[in-house]
Amino acid sequence: MKHEIFGLDFSAAADPGEKIWISKGHLKKDEIVLEYTESAKALWGSLISKEDYYTKIRDLVLENPSGVFGMDFSFNLPEECRAGATWKDFICSIRRNFLNAEDFRAHCLKMTGGREKRRKVELDMGAPLSPYNLWIYKQTYHGMRDILSPLMDSASIVPYTKALTERPWILEVYPGLILKERDLYIPYKGTGHNKSTKSQNRELIVDEVTSKSVDGVDLKVDKSFIAKMKENSGGDALDSFMALLVTYRFYKQFITNEKLF
């Protein structure tokens, strides 16, 4: 039984300290107690490069063998993009096979005839973008290269590798699933056009997702964390919390019937 639930809002920005957010909750019998919602910069300070932040993420995973980590980047690609390789072989060879994220995206487009193809899981969950879409291909590439590949033999990347109780578990999650099922798929990120509306929407969403139980457990969320989610205009703090909620759902689903997607 896992007791620590983490939701991670990932970023491949050049300086992701304020873009990567992590929420940690402690799972009790009928309650999830939120322990923190923080940016990577708040947790680890100002680091030199994004690779340094990725090292800290990997360290966090390995330091919590009783943890389940939900991360919001794509763990896999359409089958054509792997060109016959197994999932594990593709992930473990990604650094060797691709010079950079642009090379990775060019390969995916070539293998799919120039189409931005979505996987079945993205279609089922209503995720709007392909893993190598122009907006998120860097996130997919760095997530695979800098998180999954180095942790392949020390964490369970569920459902792609065997879920071992003595190892931390890593799951792919889509935070927007919470918004879709609660009919709250409304703009809430950014400070530009319609800033006031987005801020009001973010407050509405935060109040909704922090005040109600989720999948049979109550939520205990300190007011300071609620304020932080509302104040973070980029929506990354809120996304990390919603990632935590989806992580708990997928974890519960997996231990019940050993099937995710």
C-alpha atoms as a PDB file:
ATOM      1  CA  MET A   1       0.000   0.000   0.000  1.00  0.00           C
ATOM      2  CA  LYS A   2       1.367   3.375  -1.019  1.00  0.00           C
ATOM      3  CA  HIS A   3       0.898   6.323   1.352  1.00  0.00           C
ATOM      4  CA  GLU A   4       2.388   9.340  -0.425  1.00  0.00           C
ATOM      5  CA  ILE A   5       0.656  10.763  -3.503  1.00  0.00           C
ATOM      6  CA  PHE A   6       2.470  13.298  -5.688  1.00  0.00           C
ATOM      7  CA  GLY A   7       1.167  15.376  -8.562  1.00  0.00           C
ATOM      8  CA  LEU A   8       3.807  16.962 -10.780  1.00  0.00           C
ATOM      9  CA  ASP A   9       3.177  19.681 -13.354  1.00  0.00           C
ATOM     10  CA  PHE A  10       6.175  19.247 -15.641  1.00  0.00           C
ATOM     11  CA  SER A  11       7.921  21.808 -17.827  1.00  0.00           C
ATOM     12  CA  ALA A  12      10.670  21.873 -20.435  1.00  0.00           C
ATOM     13  CA  ALA A  13      11.125  25.647 -20.281  1.00  0.00           C
ATOM     14  CA  ALA A  14      14.704  26.914 -20.353  1.00  0.00           C
ATOM     15  CA  ASP A  15      14.338  28.024 -16.722  1.00  0.00           C
ATOM     16  CA  PRO A  16      11.539  25.847 -15.314  1.00  0.00           C
ATOM     17  CA  GLY A  17      11.941  26.696 -11.639  1.00  0.00           C
ATOM     18  CA  GLU A  18       8.689  28.673 -11.562  1.00  0.00           C
ATOM     19  CA  LYS A  19       6.961  26.422 -14.114  1.00  0.00           C
ATOM     20  CA  ILE A  20       7.385  23.018 -12.486  1.00  0.00           C
ATOM     21  CA  TRP A  21       5.023  22.611  -9.534  1.00  0.00           C
ATOM     22  CA  ILE A  22       4.631  19.671  -7.203  1.00  0.00           C
ATOM     23  CA  SER A  23       1.794  18.793  -4.835  1.00  0.00           C
ATOM     24  CA  LYS A  24       2.295  16.140  -2.182  1.00  0.00           C
ATOM     25  CA  GLY A  25      -0.471  14.469  -0.218  1.00  0.00           C
ATOM     26  CA  HIS A  26      -0.450  11.848   2.522  1.00  0.00           C
ATOM     27  CA  LEU A  27      -2.990   9.092   2.030  1.00  0.00           C
ATOM     28  CA  LYS A  28      -4.882   7.863   5.070  1.00  0.00           C
ATOM     29  CA  LYS A  29      -7.752   5.387   5.161  1.00  0.00           C
ATOM     30  CA  ASP A  30     -10.440   7.827   4.077  1.00  0.00           C
ATOM     31  CA  GLU A  31      -8.576  11.096   3.607  1.00  0.00           C
ATOM     32  CA  ILE A  32      -5.833  12.758   1.583  1.00  0.00           C
ATOM     33  CA  VAL A  33      -4.001  15.431   3.553  1.00  0.00           C
ATOM     34  CA  LEU A  34      -2.199  17.910   1.311  1.00  0.00           C
ATOM     35  CA  GLU A  35       1.300  18.464   2.707  1.00  0.00           C
ATOM     36  CA  TYR A  36       2.480  21.050   0.201  1.00  0.00           C
ATOM     37  CA  THR A  37       1.970  22.654  -3.179  1.00  0.00           C
ATOM     38  CA  GLU A  38       5.223  24.312  -4.239  1.00  0.00           C
ATOM     39  CA  SER A  39       7.205  25.342  -7.279  1.00  0.00           C
ATOM     40  CA  ALA A  40      10.495  23.612  -7.986  1.00  0.00           C
ATOM     41  CA  LYS A  41      12.269  26.871  -7.236  1.00  0.00           C
ATOM     42  CA  ALA A  42      10.597  27.138  -3.834  1.00  0.00           C
ATOM     43  CA  LEU A  43      11.551  23.546  -3.015  1.00  0.00           C
ATOM     44  CA  TRP A  44      15.130  23.553  -4.305  1.00  0.00           C
ATOM     45  CA  GLY A  45      16.152  27.147  -4.921  1.00  0.00           C
ATOM     46  CA  SER A  46      17.405  28.747  -8.124  1.00  0.00           C
ATOM     47  CA  LEU A  47      19.360  26.109 -10.020  1.00  0.00           C
ATOM     48  CA  ILE A  48      21.671  26.622 -12.980  1.00  0.00           C
ATOM     49  CA  SER A  49      19.848  24.581 -15.625  1.00  0.00           C
ATOM     50  CA  LYS A  50      16.669  22.637 -16.228  1.00  0.00           C
ATOM     51  CA  GLU A  51      18.727  19.448 -16.087  1.00  0.00           C
ATOM     52  CA  ASP A  52      19.510  20.320 -12.462  1.00  0.00           C
ATOM     53  CA  TYR A  53      15.785  20.533 -11.715  1.00  0.00           C
ATOM     54  CA  TYR A  54      15.237  17.186 -13.446  1.00  0.00           C
ATOM     55  CA  THR A  55      17.912  15.674 -11.217  1.00  0.00           C
ATOM     56  CA  LYS A  56      16.033  16.970  -8.186  1.00  0.00           C
ATOM     57  CA  ILE A  57      12.805  15.411  -9.468  1.00  0.00           C
ATOM     58  CA  ARG A  58      14.522  12.052  -9.908  1.00  0.00           C
ATOM     59  CA  ASP A  59      15.992  12.332  -6.417  1.00  0.00           C
ATOM     60  CA  LEU A  60      12.540  13.095  -4.999  1.00  0.00           C
ATOM     61  CA  VAL A  61      11.147   9.959  -6.623  1.00  0.00           C
ATOM     62  CA  LEU A  62      13.929   7.747  -5.305  1.00  0.00           C
ATOM     63  CA  GLU A  63      13.669   9.231  -1.809  1.00  0.00           C
ATOM     64  CA  ASN A  64      10.018   8.161  -1.592  1.00  0.00           C
ATOM     65  CA  PRO A  65       9.698   4.416  -2.255  1.00  0.00           C
ATOM     66  CA  SER A  66       6.180   4.493  -0.754  1.00  0.00           C
ATOM     67  CA  GLY A  67       5.186   7.234  -3.173  1.00  0.00           C
ATOM     68  CA  VAL A  68       3.047   7.285  -6.312  1.00  0.00           C
ATOM     69  CA  PHE A  69       4.043  10.079  -8.690  1.00  0.00           C
ATOM     70  CA  GLY A  70       1.676  11.358 -11.348  1.00  0.00           C
ATOM     71  CA  MET A  71       3.399  13.364 -14.081  1.00  0.00           C
ATOM     72  CA  ASP A  72       1.645  15.288 -16.819  1.00  0.00           C
ATOM     73  CA  PHE A  73       3.804  14.540 -19.838  1.00  0.00           C
ATOM     74  CA  SER A  74       3.318  11.782 -22.405  1.00  0.00           C
ATOM     75  CA  PHE A  75       5.018   8.500 -21.481  1.00  0.00           C
ATOM     76  CA  ASN A  76       4.510   6.931 -24.899  1.00  0.00           C
ATOM     77  CA  LEU A  77       4.031   7.741 -28.579  1.00  0.00           C
ATOM     78  CA  PRO A  78       1.869   6.419 -31.393  1.00  0.00           C
ATOM     79  CA  GLU A  79       3.232   3.018 -32.408  1.00  0.00           C
ATOM     80  CA  GLU A  80       4.555   4.275 -35.739  1.00  0.00           C
ATOM     81  CA  CYS A  81       6.933   6.668 -33.974  1.00  0.00           C
ATOM     82  CA  ARG A  82       8.720   3.830 -32.180  1.00  0.00           C
ATOM     83  CA  ALA A  83       9.542   2.222 -35.554  1.00  0.00           C
ATOM     84  CA  GLY A  84       9.248  -1.338 -34.254  1.00  0.00           C
ATOM     85  CA  ALA A  85      11.140  -0.768 -31.001  1.00  0.00           C
ATOM     86  CA  THR A  86       9.639  -1.877 -27.713  1.00  0.00           C
ATOM     87  CA  TRP A  87       8.537   0.909 -25.388  1.00  0.00           C
ATOM     88  CA  LYS A  88      11.446   0.287 -23.006  1.00  0.00           C
ATOM     89  CA  ASP A  89      14.059   0.149 -25.753  1.00  0.00           C
ATOM     90  CA  PHE A  90      12.740   3.361 -27.294  1.00  0.00           C
ATOM     91  CA  ILE A  91      12.792   5.249 -23.989  1.00  0.00           C
ATOM     92  CA  CYS A  92      16.221   3.990 -22.978  1.00  0.00           C
ATOM     93  CA  SER A  93      17.776   4.888 -26.338  1.00  0.00           C
ATOM     94  CA  ILE A  94      16.177   8.301 -26.759  1.00  0.00           C
ATOM     95  CA  ARG A  95      19.289  10.234 -25.727  1.00  0.00           C
ATOM     96  CA  ARG A  96      21.411   8.258 -28.177  1.00  0.00           C
ATOM     97  CA  ASN A  97      18.937   8.367 -31.067  1.00  0.00           C
ATOM     98  CA  PHE A  98      17.960  12.047 -31.041  1.00  0.00           C
ATOM     99  CA  LEU A  99      20.222  15.076 -30.919  1.00  0.00           C
ATOM    100  CA  ASN A 100      17.564  17.278 -29.336  1.00  0.00           C
ATOM    101  CA  ALA A 101      13.828  17.837 -29.020  1.00  0.00           C
ATOM    102  CA  GLU A 102      13.587  19.193 -32.568  1.00  0.00           C
ATOM    103  CA  ASP A 103      15.177  16.042 -33.963  1.00  0.00           C
ATOM    104  CA  PHE A 104      12.717  13.999 -31.890  1.00  0.00           C
ATOM    105  CA  ARG A 105       9.699  15.894 -33.279  1.00  0.00           C
ATOM    106  CA  ALA A 106      10.993  15.664 -36.854  1.00  0.00           C
ATOM    107  CA  HIS A 107      11.297  11.883 -36.482  1.00  0.00           C
ATOM    108  CA  CYS A 108       7.735  11.568 -35.162  1.00  0.00           C
ATOM    109  CA  LEU A 109       6.336  13.644 -38.027  1.00  0.00           C
ATOM    110  CA  LYS A 110       8.286  11.625 -40.569  1.00  0.00           C
ATOM    111  CA  MET A 111       7.016   8.319 -39.183  1.00  0.00           C
ATOM    112  CA  THR A 112       3.383   9.494 -39.234  1.00  0.00           C
ATOM    113  CA  GLY A 113       3.395  11.128 -42.647  1.00  0.00           C
ATOM    114  CA  GLY A 114       3.469  14.656 -41.258  1.00  0.00           C
ATOM    115  CA  ARG A 115       0.421  14.144 -39.036  1.00  0.00           C
ATOM    116  CA  GLU A 116       0.223  14.994 -35.356  1.00  0.00           C
ATOM    117  CA  LYS A 117      -1.338  11.718 -34.302  1.00  0.00           C
ATOM    118  CA  ARG A 118      -2.855  11.151 -30.874  1.00  0.00           C
ATOM    119  CA  ARG A 119      -2.797   7.875 -28.986  1.00  0.00           C
ATOM    120  CA  LYS A 120      -5.950   6.046 -27.954  1.00  0.00           C
ATOM    121  CA  VAL A 121      -5.481   7.186 -24.347  1.00  0.00           C
ATOM    122  CA  GLU A 122      -5.492  10.833 -25.448  1.00  0.00           C
ATOM    123  CA  LEU A 123      -8.614  10.311 -27.518  1.00  0.00           C
ATOM    124  CA  ASP A 124     -10.347   8.495 -24.641  1.00  0.00           C
ATOM    125  CA  MET A 125      -9.474  11.201 -22.086  1.00  0.00           C
ATOM    126  CA  GLY A 126     -10.172  14.090 -24.414  1.00  0.00           C
ATOM    127  CA  ALA A 127      -6.582  15.350 -24.372  1.00  0.00           C
ATOM    128  CA  PRO A 128      -6.433  17.750 -27.325  1.00  0.00           C
ATOM    129  CA  LEU A 129      -2.777  17.440 -28.364  1.00  0.00           C
ATOM    130  CA  SER A 130      -0.485  14.809 -29.853  1.00  0.00           C
ATOM    131  CA  PRO A 131       2.600  13.994 -27.725  1.00  0.00           C
ATOM    132  CA  TYR A 132       4.786  15.666 -30.359  1.00  0.00           C
ATOM    133  CA  ASN A 133       2.542  18.658 -30.997  1.00  0.00           C
ATOM    134  CA  LEU A 134       4.419  21.941 -31.425  1.00  0.00           C
ATOM    135  CA  TRP A 135       3.284  23.142 -27.980  1.00  0.00           C
ATOM    136  CA  ILE A 136       4.357  20.098 -25.959  1.00  0.00           C
ATOM    137  CA  TYR A 137       6.985  18.116 -27.884  1.00  0.00           C
ATOM    138  CA  LYS A 138       9.816  19.468 -25.726  1.00  0.00           C
ATOM    139  CA  GLN A 139       7.953  18.417 -22.603  1.00  0.00           C
ATOM    140  CA  THR A 140       7.454  14.903 -23.994  1.00  0.00           C
ATOM    141  CA  TYR A 141      11.087  14.622 -25.087  1.00  0.00           C
ATOM    142  CA  HIS A 142      12.602  15.808 -21.810  1.00  0.00           C
ATOM    143  CA  GLY A 143      10.134  13.828 -19.729  1.00  0.00           C
ATOM    144  CA  MET A 144      11.094  10.655 -21.541  1.00  0.00           C
ATOM    145  CA  ARG A 145      14.833  11.414 -21.734  1.00  0.00           C
ATOM    146  CA  ASP A 146      15.466  13.021 -18.350  1.00  0.00           C
ATOM    147  CA  ILE A 147      12.875  11.408 -16.074  1.00  0.00           C
ATOM    148  CA  LEU A 148      11.690   8.033 -17.385  1.00  0.00           C
ATOM    149  CA  SER A 149      14.900   6.721 -18.947  1.00  0.00           C
ATOM    150  CA  PRO A 150      17.170   7.329 -15.912  1.00  0.00           C
ATOM    151  CA  LEU A 151      14.542   5.856 -13.554  1.00  0.00           C
ATOM    152  CA  MET A 152      13.762   2.799 -15.679  1.00  0.00           C
ATOM    153  CA  ASP A 153      15.525   0.318 -13.397  1.00  0.00           C
ATOM    154  CA  SER A 154      14.822   1.999 -10.043  1.00  0.00           C
ATOM    155  CA  ALA A 155      11.131   2.953 -10.215  1.00  0.00           C
ATOM    156  CA  SER A 156       8.001   1.226 -11.499  1.00  0.00           C
ATOM    157  CA  ILE A 157       6.648   3.118 -14.505  1.00  0.00           C
ATOM    158  CA  VAL A 158       3.105   1.808 -14.433  1.00  0.00           C
ATOM    159  CA  PRO A 159       1.684   0.129 -16.511  1.00  0.00           C
ATOM    160  CA  TYR A 160       4.735  -0.166 -18.752  1.00  0.00           C
ATOM    161  CA  THR A 161       6.924  -1.932 -16.181  1.00  0.00           C
ATOM    162  CA  LYS A 162       5.976  -4.239 -13.344  1.00  0.00           C
ATOM    163  CA  ALA A 163       4.499  -2.493 -10.295  1.00  0.00           C
ATOM    164  CA  LEU A 164       6.856  -3.501  -7.481  1.00  0.00           C
ATOM    165  CA  THR A 165       5.822  -2.589  -3.946  1.00  0.00           C
ATOM    166  CA  GLU A 166       9.371  -1.778  -2.861  1.00  0.00           C
ATOM    167  CA  ARG A 167       9.799   0.835  -5.593  1.00  0.00           C
ATOM    168  CA  PRO A 168       8.188   4.242  -6.138  1.00  0.00           C
ATOM    169  CA  TRP A 169       5.550   4.224  -8.859  1.00  0.00           C
ATOM    170  CA  ILE A 170       5.316   6.726 -11.714  1.00  0.00           C
ATOM    171  CA  LEU A 171       2.084   7.217 -13.665  1.00  0.00           C
ATOM    172  CA  GLU A 172       1.168   9.354 -16.647  1.00  0.00           C
ATOM    173  CA  VAL A 173      -1.722  11.650 -15.753  1.00  0.00           C
ATOM    174  CA  TYR A 174      -3.875  14.231 -17.486  1.00  0.00           C
ATOM    175  CA  PRO A 175      -4.982  16.918 -14.966  1.00  0.00           C
ATOM    176  CA  GLY A 176      -7.616  18.265 -17.363  1.00  0.00           C
ATOM    177  CA  LEU A 177      -9.609  15.088 -16.786  1.00  0.00           C
ATOM    178  CA  ILE A 178     -10.864  16.615 -13.523  1.00  0.00           C
ATOM    179  CA  LEU A 179     -12.098  19.720 -15.329  1.00  0.00           C
ATOM    180  CA  LYS A 180     -13.838  17.793 -18.089  1.00  0.00           C
ATOM    181  CA  GLU A 181     -15.769  15.523 -15.771  1.00  0.00           C
ATOM    182  CA  ARG A 182     -16.911  18.476 -13.630  1.00  0.00           C
ATOM    183  CA  ASP A 183     -17.824  20.606 -16.644  1.00  0.00           C
ATOM    184  CA  LEU A 184     -15.200  23.204 -15.702  1.00  0.00           C
ATOM    185  CA  TYR A 185     -13.119  23.208 -18.881  1.00  0.00           C
ATOM    186  CA  ILE A 186     -12.797  27.010 -18.948  1.00  0.00           C
ATOM    187  CA  PRO A 187      -9.795  29.361 -19.434  1.00  0.00           C
ATOM    188  CA  TYR A 188      -7.859  29.853 -16.178  1.00  0.00           C
ATOM    189  CA  LYS A 189      -4.207  30.373 -17.180  1.00  0.00           C
ATOM    190  CA  GLY A 190      -2.293  33.519 -18.079  1.00  0.00           C
ATOM    191  CA  THR A 191      -2.214  37.253 -17.420  1.00  0.00           C
ATOM    192  CA  GLY A 192      -2.890  38.654 -20.889  1.00  0.00           C
ATOM    193  CA  HIS A 193      -6.272  38.878 -22.589  1.00  0.00           C
ATOM    194  CA  ASN A 194      -9.225  38.412 -20.212  1.00  0.00           C
ATOM    195  CA  LYS A 195      -6.912  38.322 -17.172  1.00  0.00           C
ATOM    196  CA  SER A 196      -9.760  39.104 -14.785  1.00  0.00           C
ATOM    197  CA  THR A 197     -11.994  36.355 -16.208  1.00  0.00           C
ATOM    198  CA  LYS A 198      -9.190  33.809 -16.024  1.00  0.00           C
ATOM    199  CA  SER A 199      -8.501  34.763 -12.414  1.00  0.00           C
ATOM    200  CA  GLN A 200     -12.179  34.381 -11.520  1.00  0.00           C
ATOM    201  CA  ASN A 201     -12.322  31.049 -13.337  1.00  0.00           C
ATOM    202  CA  ARG A 202      -9.243  29.844 -11.482  1.00  0.00           C
ATOM    203  CA  GLU A 203     -10.814  30.745  -8.150  1.00  0.00           C
ATOM    204  CA  LEU A 204     -13.980  28.887  -9.134  1.00  0.00           C
ATOM    205  CA  ILE A 205     -12.017  25.780 -10.124  1.00  0.00           C
ATOM    206  CA  VAL A 206      -9.841  25.812  -7.000  1.00  0.00           C
ATOM    207  CA  ASP A 207     -12.873  26.106  -4.733  1.00  0.00           C
ATOM    208  CA  GLU A 208     -14.563  23.249  -6.590  1.00  0.00           C
ATOM    209  CA  VAL A 209     -11.678  20.776  -6.638  1.00  0.00           C
ATOM    210  CA  THR A 210     -10.498  21.391  -3.069  1.00  0.00           C
ATOM    211  CA  SER A 211     -13.876  21.329  -1.335  1.00  0.00           C
ATOM    212  CA  LYS A 212     -15.303  18.022  -2.512  1.00  0.00           C
ATOM    213  CA  SER A 213     -14.290  14.421  -1.920  1.00  0.00           C
ATOM    214  CA  VAL A 214     -12.619  12.538  -4.737  1.00  0.00           C
ATOM    215  CA  ASP A 215     -13.148   8.867  -5.496  1.00  0.00           C
ATOM    216  CA  GLY A 216     -14.343   8.025  -2.015  1.00  0.00           C
ATOM    217  CA  VAL A 217     -11.826   9.979   0.071  1.00  0.00           C
ATOM    218  CA  ASP A 218     -12.096  13.386   1.686  1.00  0.00           C
ATOM    219  CA  LEU A 219      -9.563  16.138   1.034  1.00  0.00           C
ATOM    220  CA  LYS A 220      -7.845  18.156   3.732  1.00  0.00           C
ATOM    221  CA  VAL A 221      -6.346  21.249   2.119  1.00  0.00           C
ATOM    222  CA  ASP A 222      -4.926  24.123   4.169  1.00  0.00           C
ATOM    223  CA  LYS A 223      -6.171  27.603   3.275  1.00  0.00           C
ATOM    224  CA  SER A 224      -2.626  28.706   2.448  1.00  0.00           C
ATOM    225  CA  PHE A 225      -2.402  26.099  -0.307  1.00  0.00           C
ATOM    226  CA  ILE A 226      -5.780  27.151  -1.677  1.00  0.00           C
ATOM    227  CA  ALA A 227      -4.585  30.765  -1.798  1.00  0.00           C
ATOM    228  CA  LYS A 228      -1.399  29.709  -3.582  1.00  0.00           C
ATOM    229  CA  MET A 229      -3.361  27.877  -6.289  1.00  0.00           C
ATOM    230  CA  LYS A 230      -5.571  30.896  -6.825  1.00  0.00           C
ATOM    231  CA  GLU A 231      -2.676  33.359  -6.947  1.00  0.00           C
ATOM    232  CA  ASN A 232      -0.495  31.389  -9.374  1.00  0.00           C
ATOM    233  CA  SER A 233      -1.585  32.977 -12.649  1.00  0.00           C
ATOM    234  CA  GLY A 234       0.071  30.329 -14.805  1.00  0.00           C
ATOM    235  CA  GLY A 235      -2.230  27.675 -13.345  1.00  0.00           C
ATOM    236  CA  ASP A 236       0.710  25.365 -12.639  1.00  0.00           C
ATOM    237  CA  ALA A 237       0.025  25.131  -8.900  1.00  0.00           C
ATOM    238  CA  LEU A 238      -3.583  24.138  -9.596  1.00  0.00           C
ATOM    239  CA  ASP A 239      -2.466  21.692 -12.292  1.00  0.00           C
ATOM    240  CA  SER A 240      -0.140  19.935  -9.852  1.00  0.00           C
ATOM    241  CA  PHE A 241      -2.988  19.510  -7.378  1.00  0.00           C
ATOM    242  CA  MET A 242      -5.322  18.151 -10.050  1.00  0.00           C
ATOM    243  CA  ALA A 243      -2.501  15.839 -11.130  1.00  0.00           C
ATOM    244  CA  LEU A 244      -2.406  14.562  -7.546  1.00  0.00           C
ATOM    245  CA  LEU A 245      -6.137  13.825  -7.657  1.00  0.00           C
ATOM    246  CA  VAL A 246      -5.846  11.924 -10.941  1.00  0.00           C
ATOM    247  CA  THR A 247      -2.805  10.073  -9.576  1.00  0.00           C
ATOM    248  CA  TYR A 248      -4.827   8.835  -6.633  1.00  0.00           C
ATOM    249  CA  ARG A 249      -7.639   7.736  -8.952  1.00  0.00           C
ATOM    250  CA  PHE A 250      -5.317   5.811 -11.253  1.00  0.00           C
ATOM    251  CA  TYR A 251      -3.485   4.265  -8.297  1.00  0.00           C
ATOM    252  CA  LYS A 252      -6.758   3.093  -6.775  1.00  0.00           C
ATOM    253  CA  GLN A 253      -7.923   1.802 -10.152  1.00  0.00           C
ATOM    254  CA  PHE A 254      -4.701  -0.114 -10.691  1.00  0.00           C
ATOM    255  CA  ILE A 255      -4.582  -1.826  -7.317  1.00  0.00           C
ATOM    256  CA  THR A 256      -8.250  -2.779  -7.753  1.00  0.00           C
ATOM    257  CA  ASN A 257      -8.029  -4.388 -11.174  1.00  0.00           C
ATOM    258  CA  GLU A 258      -4.433  -3.855 -12.414  1.00  0.00           C
ATOM    259  CA  LYS A 259      -5.548  -1.917 -15.466  1.00  0.00           C
ATOM    260  CA  LEU A 260      -5.038   1.729 -16.302  1.00  0.00           C
ATOM    261  CA  PHE A 261      -5.417   2.283 -20.047  1.00  0.00           C
END
